[in-house]
Amino acid sequence: MIVVTAAARILGEVVNAVAVLALILPSISVGARRLHDTGRSGFWLLLYFVPLVGWIIVLIFLIQPGVAGPNDYGPPDA
């Protein structure tokens, strides 16, 4: 019984790791694209690593309206 529980726990951790790896790159890509829509560089996503306030600043940047018309990162998508 203990072996089955340990195997299930390991399998769950592997599935979790695969899911995180599969979702992290698209999440970064979407965040950088959204920041480009607001006229900011994707490097602002590095603020996530600043404790306590970094993610709040990035969230504020992400919810602001985009720049109307083309910006430094190209024309707006249709």
C-alpha atoms as a PDB file:
ATOM      1  CA  MET A   1       0.000   0.000   0.000  1.00  0.00           C
ATOM      2  CA  ILE A   2       2.824   2.403   0.825  1.00  0.00           C
ATOM      3  CA  VAL A   3       4.546   1.645  -2.488  1.00  0.00           C
ATOM      4  CA  VAL A   4       1.389   2.484  -4.432  1.00  0.00           C
ATOM      5  CA  THR A   5       0.981   5.756  -2.549  1.00  0.00           C
ATOM      6  CA  ALA A   6       4.609   6.727  -3.170  1.00  0.00           C
ATOM      7  CA  ALA A   7       4.301   5.831  -6.875  1.00  0.00           C
ATOM      8  CA  ALA A   8       1.130   7.900  -7.188  1.00  0.00           C
ATOM      9  CA  ARG A   9       2.831  10.849  -5.501  1.00  0.00           C
ATOM     10  CA  ILE A  10       5.824  10.639  -7.842  1.00  0.00           C
ATOM     11  CA  LEU A  11       3.556  10.346 -10.877  1.00  0.00           C
ATOM     12  CA  GLY A  12       1.596  13.390  -9.705  1.00  0.00           C
ATOM     13  CA  GLU A  13       4.791  15.410  -9.309  1.00  0.00           C
ATOM     14  CA  VAL A  14       5.960  14.411 -12.797  1.00  0.00           C
ATOM     15  CA  VAL A  15       2.625  15.394 -14.337  1.00  0.00           C
ATOM     16  CA  ASN A  16       2.745  18.693 -12.474  1.00  0.00           C
ATOM     17  CA  ALA A  17       6.292  19.420 -13.688  1.00  0.00           C
ATOM     18  CA  VAL A  18       5.349  18.651 -17.297  1.00  0.00           C
ATOM     19  CA  ALA A  19       2.292  20.914 -17.065  1.00  0.00           C
ATOM     20  CA  VAL A  20       4.344  23.791 -15.628  1.00  0.00           C
ATOM     21  CA  LEU A  21       6.985  23.433 -18.334  1.00  0.00           C
ATOM     22  CA  ALA A  22       4.310  23.263 -21.036  1.00  0.00           C
ATOM     23  CA  LEU A  23       2.589  26.441 -19.813  1.00  0.00           C
ATOM     24  CA  ILE A  24       5.476  28.680 -18.770  1.00  0.00           C
ATOM     25  CA  LEU A  25       6.724  29.588 -22.262  1.00  0.00           C
ATOM     26  CA  PRO A  26       3.298  30.541 -23.664  1.00  0.00           C
ATOM     27  CA  SER A  27       2.608  32.572 -20.515  1.00  0.00           C
ATOM     28  CA  ILE A  28       5.827  34.540 -20.933  1.00  0.00           C
ATOM     29  CA  SER A  29       5.067  35.033 -24.618  1.00  0.00           C
ATOM     30  CA  VAL A  30       1.561  36.357 -23.985  1.00  0.00           C
ATOM     31  CA  GLY A  31       2.820  38.643 -21.214  1.00  0.00           C
ATOM     32  CA  ALA A  32       5.560  40.103 -23.409  1.00  0.00           C
ATOM     33  CA  ARG A  33       3.116  40.596 -26.273  1.00  0.00           C
ATOM     34  CA  ARG A  34       0.655  42.384 -23.988  1.00  0.00           C
ATOM     35  CA  LEU A  35       3.421  44.632 -22.662  1.00  0.00           C
ATOM     36  CA  HIS A  36       4.363  45.433 -26.262  1.00  0.00           C
ATOM     37  CA  ASP A  37       0.727  46.451 -26.829  1.00  0.00           C
ATOM     38  CA  THR A  38       1.136  49.001 -24.036  1.00  0.00           C
ATOM     39  CA  GLY A  39       4.421  50.299 -25.492  1.00  0.00           C
ATOM     40  CA  ARG A  40       6.685  48.587 -22.938  1.00  0.00           C
ATOM     41  CA  SER A  41       9.489  46.076 -23.354  1.00  0.00           C
ATOM     42  CA  GLY A  42       8.968  42.448 -22.419  1.00  0.00           C
ATOM     43  CA  PHE A  43      11.829  42.778 -19.955  1.00  0.00           C
ATOM     44  CA  TRP A  44       9.338  44.364 -17.544  1.00  0.00           C
ATOM     45  CA  LEU A  45       8.218  40.783 -16.852  1.00  0.00           C
ATOM     46  CA  LEU A  46      11.406  40.406 -14.808  1.00  0.00           C
ATOM     47  CA  LEU A  47       9.643  42.447 -12.124  1.00  0.00           C
ATOM     48  CA  TYR A  48       7.888  39.206 -11.177  1.00  0.00           C
ATOM     49  CA  PHE A  49      11.092  38.327  -9.328  1.00  0.00           C
ATOM     50  CA  VAL A  50      10.918  41.411  -7.065  1.00  0.00           C
ATOM     51  CA  PRO A  51       9.341  40.257  -3.797  1.00  0.00           C
ATOM     52  CA  LEU A  52       5.916  41.574  -2.781  1.00  0.00           C
ATOM     53  CA  VAL A  53       5.522  44.491  -5.189  1.00  0.00           C
ATOM     54  CA  GLY A  54       6.916  43.204  -8.502  1.00  0.00           C
ATOM     55  CA  TRP A  55       3.858  41.243  -9.566  1.00  0.00           C
ATOM     56  CA  ILE A  56       1.586  44.145  -8.585  1.00  0.00           C
ATOM     57  CA  ILE A  57       3.499  46.529 -10.862  1.00  0.00           C
ATOM     58  CA  VAL A  58       3.402  44.037 -13.756  1.00  0.00           C
ATOM     59  CA  LEU A  59      -0.329  43.487 -13.198  1.00  0.00           C
ATOM     60  CA  ILE A  60      -0.935  47.242 -13.386  1.00  0.00           C
ATOM     61  CA  PHE A  61       1.065  47.389 -16.635  1.00  0.00           C
ATOM     62  CA  LEU A  62      -0.897  44.472 -18.099  1.00  0.00           C
ATOM     63  CA  ILE A  63      -4.353  45.894 -17.396  1.00  0.00           C
ATOM     64  CA  GLN A  64      -3.664  49.309 -18.892  1.00  0.00           C
ATOM     65  CA  PRO A  65      -5.168  49.978 -22.322  1.00  0.00           C
ATOM     66  CA  GLY A  66      -2.958  49.427 -25.336  1.00  0.00           C
ATOM     67  CA  VAL A  67      -1.457  52.141 -27.490  1.00  0.00           C
ATOM     68  CA  ALA A  68      -3.721  53.155 -30.368  1.00  0.00           C
ATOM     69  CA  GLY A  69      -1.962  52.656 -33.681  1.00  0.00           C
ATOM     70  CA  PRO A  70       1.550  51.422 -34.324  1.00  0.00           C
ATOM     71  CA  ASN A  71       4.238  51.629 -31.662  1.00  0.00           C
ATOM     72  CA  ASP A  72       7.951  50.712 -31.409  1.00  0.00           C
ATOM     73  CA  TYR A  73       7.043  47.021 -31.589  1.00  0.00           C
ATOM     74  CA  GLY A  74       4.988  47.124 -34.784  1.00  0.00           C
ATOM     75  CA  PRO A  75       1.427  47.733 -35.937  1.00  0.00           C
ATOM     76  CA  PRO A  76      -1.525  46.543 -33.850  1.00  0.00           C
ATOM     77  CA  ASP A  77      -2.984  43.124 -34.611  1.00  0.00           C
ATOM     78  CA  ALA A  78      -6.309  42.909 -36.360  1.00  0.00           C
END
